[in-house]
């Protein structure tokens, strides 16, 4: 006997949380930082920079992410190539920046981040943008290979994509000292 399962919003959020937990600590950190930059949630430089190199990286990210509203407005409603060109050109450039930073090491992490940056309507375009950005010459050949091997056949050949918006947007969590307890 089979039992019908109903996936409510809670179970989908939990699945997103589990997916995020499966990423490396560096990838999780970069995704949280990126969402802070994109949505101006917190002062990303004050929160995330550990040295001058990270300050420079976050400054550059602010400049690249300033394009997000324009890119999001260009998400095509159809697969017509003329509609895709202005969107994909900008999406590939932004994607190449993020992949060049290092912590996004696979398509799943890239998709997780970009679904949140651009929304569900961008999903059909993410495999193409990822592959193009991963093949850029500024990405070291060894990393290019790892990135391109990380995209599954299912992602490349999907016939349809969910229109459900993501529900889990990870944020910075302050560390709690071991042994400390709070009464609530």
Protein backbone atom coordinates (compact mmCIF):
# COMPACT_ATOMS: atom_id res chain seq x y z
CA UNK A 1 0.00 0.00 0.00
CA UNK A 2 1.38 3.39 -0.90
CA UNK A 3 0.81 6.47 1.13
CA UNK A 4 0.45 9.85 -0.52
CA UNK A 5 2.87 12.36 0.88
CA UNK A 6 2.10 16.02 1.08
CA UNK A 7 5.08 18.28 1.26
CA UNK A 8 4.02 21.41 3.05
CA UNK A 9 6.03 24.60 3.37
CA UNK A 10 7.72 23.35 6.53
CA UNK A 11 9.11 20.22 4.91
CA UNK A 12 10.34 22.19 1.90
CA UNK A 13 12.08 24.68 4.19
CA UNK A 14 13.65 21.80 6.07
CA UNK A 15 14.90 20.32 2.79
CA UNK A 16 16.49 23.69 1.91
CA UNK A 17 18.12 23.82 5.36
CA UNK A 18 19.48 20.29 4.92
CA UNK A 19 20.86 21.18 1.50
CA UNK A 20 22.59 24.25 2.93
CA UNK A 21 24.01 22.19 5.81
CA UNK A 22 25.60 19.87 3.24
CA UNK A 23 27.80 22.63 1.84
CA UNK A 24 31.29 23.23 3.20
CA UNK A 25 31.75 25.84 5.93
CA UNK A 26 33.45 28.17 3.44
CA UNK A 27 30.55 27.82 1.00
CA UNK A 28 27.98 28.44 3.74
CA UNK A 29 29.91 31.52 4.85
CA UNK A 30 30.09 32.88 1.30
CA UNK A 31 26.37 32.32 0.68
CA UNK A 32 25.40 34.10 3.92
CA UNK A 33 27.80 36.95 3.14
CA UNK A 34 26.43 37.21 -0.41
CA UNK A 35 22.84 37.43 0.83
CA UNK A 36 23.86 40.16 3.29
CA UNK A 37 25.48 42.11 0.44
CA UNK A 38 22.59 41.53 -1.98
CA UNK A 39 19.77 42.41 0.38
CA UNK A 40 21.65 44.94 2.51
CA UNK A 41 20.74 42.92 5.58
CA UNK A 42 23.83 43.88 7.57
CA UNK A 43 27.12 45.71 7.11
CA UNK A 44 28.87 42.88 5.30
CA UNK A 45 32.32 44.40 5.63
CA UNK A 46 32.02 44.80 9.40
CA UNK A 47 30.49 41.33 9.81
CA UNK A 48 32.39 39.20 7.30
CA UNK A 49 35.82 40.69 6.60
CA UNK A 50 38.74 39.16 8.46
CA UNK A 51 41.48 40.99 6.58
CA UNK A 52 42.17 43.56 3.86
CA UNK A 53 41.75 40.97 1.11
CA UNK A 54 38.20 40.21 2.25
CA UNK A 55 37.40 43.94 2.53
CA UNK A 56 38.46 44.33 -1.11
CA UNK A 57 36.46 41.25 -2.13
CA UNK A 58 33.30 42.47 -0.37
CA UNK A 59 33.70 45.95 -1.88
CA UNK A 60 33.88 44.36 -5.32
CA UNK A 61 30.88 42.20 -4.49
CA UNK A 62 28.85 45.29 -3.59
CA UNK A 63 29.67 46.74 -7.02
CA UNK A 64 28.73 43.57 -8.88
CA UNK A 65 25.60 42.98 -6.81
CA UNK A 66 24.38 46.53 -7.47
CA UNK A 67 23.37 45.07 -10.86
CA UNK A 68 21.01 42.52 -9.31
CA UNK A 69 17.80 44.57 -9.65
CA UNK A 70 18.51 45.16 -13.34
CA UNK A 71 19.38 41.50 -13.94
CA UNK A 72 16.27 40.34 -12.09
CA UNK A 73 14.13 42.66 -14.23
CA UNK A 74 15.59 41.04 -17.37
CA UNK A 75 14.68 37.43 -16.51
CA UNK A 76 13.01 36.23 -19.74
CA UNK A 77 9.43 34.98 -19.75
CA UNK A 78 10.19 32.66 -22.67
CA UNK A 79 13.06 30.74 -24.23
CA UNK A 80 13.32 33.19 -27.14
CA UNK A 81 17.02 33.88 -27.72
CA UNK A 82 16.57 37.60 -28.30
CA UNK A 83 14.97 37.89 -24.86
CA UNK A 84 17.71 35.83 -23.23
CA UNK A 85 20.74 37.72 -24.55
CA UNK A 86 20.69 40.82 -22.30
CA UNK A 87 19.82 38.72 -19.26
CA UNK A 88 22.36 35.96 -19.83
CA UNK A 89 25.21 38.33 -20.63
CA UNK A 90 24.83 40.05 -17.27
CA UNK A 91 24.07 36.84 -15.37
CA UNK A 92 27.19 35.14 -16.73
CA UNK A 93 29.34 38.12 -15.72
CA UNK A 94 27.93 38.13 -12.19
CA UNK A 95 28.24 34.34 -11.97
CA UNK A 96 31.85 34.49 -13.15
CA UNK A 97 32.59 36.93 -10.33
CA UNK A 98 31.07 34.62 -7.70
CA UNK A 99 32.73 31.48 -9.06
CA UNK A 100 36.05 33.31 -9.24
CA UNK A 101 35.87 34.11 -5.53
CA UNK A 102 36.44 30.45 -4.70
CA UNK A 103 33.95 29.17 -2.10
CA UNK A 104 31.18 28.27 -4.57
CA UNK A 105 32.57 24.88 -5.52
CA UNK A 106 29.62 23.15 -7.20
CA UNK A 107 26.44 23.76 -9.16
CA UNK A 108 24.22 22.96 -6.16
CA UNK A 109 25.76 25.79 -4.11
CA UNK A 110 25.57 28.16 -7.09
CA UNK A 111 21.91 27.29 -7.71
CA UNK A 112 21.11 27.65 -3.99
CA UNK A 113 22.60 31.17 -3.96
CA UNK A 114 21.18 32.36 -7.28
CA UNK A 115 17.65 31.12 -6.59
CA UNK A 116 17.73 33.49 -3.64
CA UNK A 117 19.40 36.34 -5.48
CA UNK A 118 17.13 36.24 -8.55
CA UNK A 119 14.06 34.22 -7.59
CA UNK A 120 12.49 31.09 -9.06
CA UNK A 121 11.94 32.51 -12.56
CA UNK A 122 15.71 32.45 -13.13
CA UNK A 123 15.99 28.67 -12.48
CA UNK A 124 15.81 27.55 -16.14
CA UNK A 125 18.74 29.81 -16.99
CA UNK A 126 21.06 28.85 -14.15
CA UNK A 127 22.64 25.74 -15.74
CA UNK A 128 23.65 27.70 -18.86
CA UNK A 129 25.01 30.65 -16.89
CA UNK A 130 26.89 28.35 -14.52
CA UNK A 131 28.53 26.39 -17.34
CA UNK A 132 29.51 29.56 -19.20
CA UNK A 133 30.90 31.22 -16.06
CA UNK A 134 32.73 28.06 -14.95
CA UNK A 135 34.44 27.87 -18.35
CA UNK A 136 35.76 31.44 -18.17
CA UNK A 137 39.53 31.81 -18.48
CA UNK A 138 39.95 33.50 -15.08
CA UNK A 139 38.81 30.28 -13.38
CA UNK A 140 41.85 28.02 -12.90
CA UNK A 141 41.66 24.90 -15.14
CA UNK A 142 41.59 22.50 -12.18
CA UNK A 143 38.66 24.39 -10.62
CA UNK A 144 36.94 24.66 -14.03
CA UNK A 145 36.97 20.87 -14.27
CA UNK A 146 35.53 20.41 -10.75
CA UNK A 147 32.81 23.01 -11.35
CA UNK A 148 31.73 21.60 -14.70
CA UNK A 149 31.72 18.03 -13.37
CA UNK A 150 29.47 19.10 -10.49
CA UNK A 151 26.44 19.80 -12.66
CA UNK A 152 24.25 16.76 -13.05
CA UNK A 153 22.72 15.51 -16.24
CA UNK A 154 19.31 16.03 -14.62
CA UNK A 155 20.05 19.74 -14.08
CA UNK A 156 21.19 20.20 -17.67
CA UNK A 157 18.32 18.27 -19.26
CA UNK A 158 15.42 19.28 -17.01
CA UNK A 159 12.17 19.80 -18.88
CA UNK A 160 10.63 22.04 -16.25
CA UNK A 161 11.46 24.01 -13.13
CA UNK A 162 9.60 24.79 -9.98
CA UNK A 163 8.09 28.25 -9.61
CA UNK A 164 8.14 27.96 -5.81
CA UNK A 165 10.25 30.70 -4.26
CA UNK A 166 12.94 29.65 -1.80
CA UNK A 167 11.89 29.94 1.83
CA UNK A 168 15.19 29.53 3.70
CA UNK A 169 17.60 32.48 3.58
CA UNK A 170 20.56 31.65 5.84
CA UNK A 171 21.98 34.41 8.03
CA UNK A 172 24.85 35.00 10.41
CA UNK A 173 24.42 33.21 13.72
CA UNK A 174 26.41 34.39 16.73
CA UNK A 175 28.40 31.69 18.48
CA UNK A 176 27.20 30.62 21.88
CA UNK A 177 29.93 29.72 24.35
CA UNK A 178 29.94 26.08 25.38
CA UNK A 179 28.48 25.60 28.82
CA UNK A 180 26.50 28.81 28.80
CA UNK A 181 22.80 28.44 29.26
CA UNK A 182 20.04 30.95 29.06
CA UNK A 183 16.73 30.69 30.80
CA UNK A 184 13.84 31.53 28.53
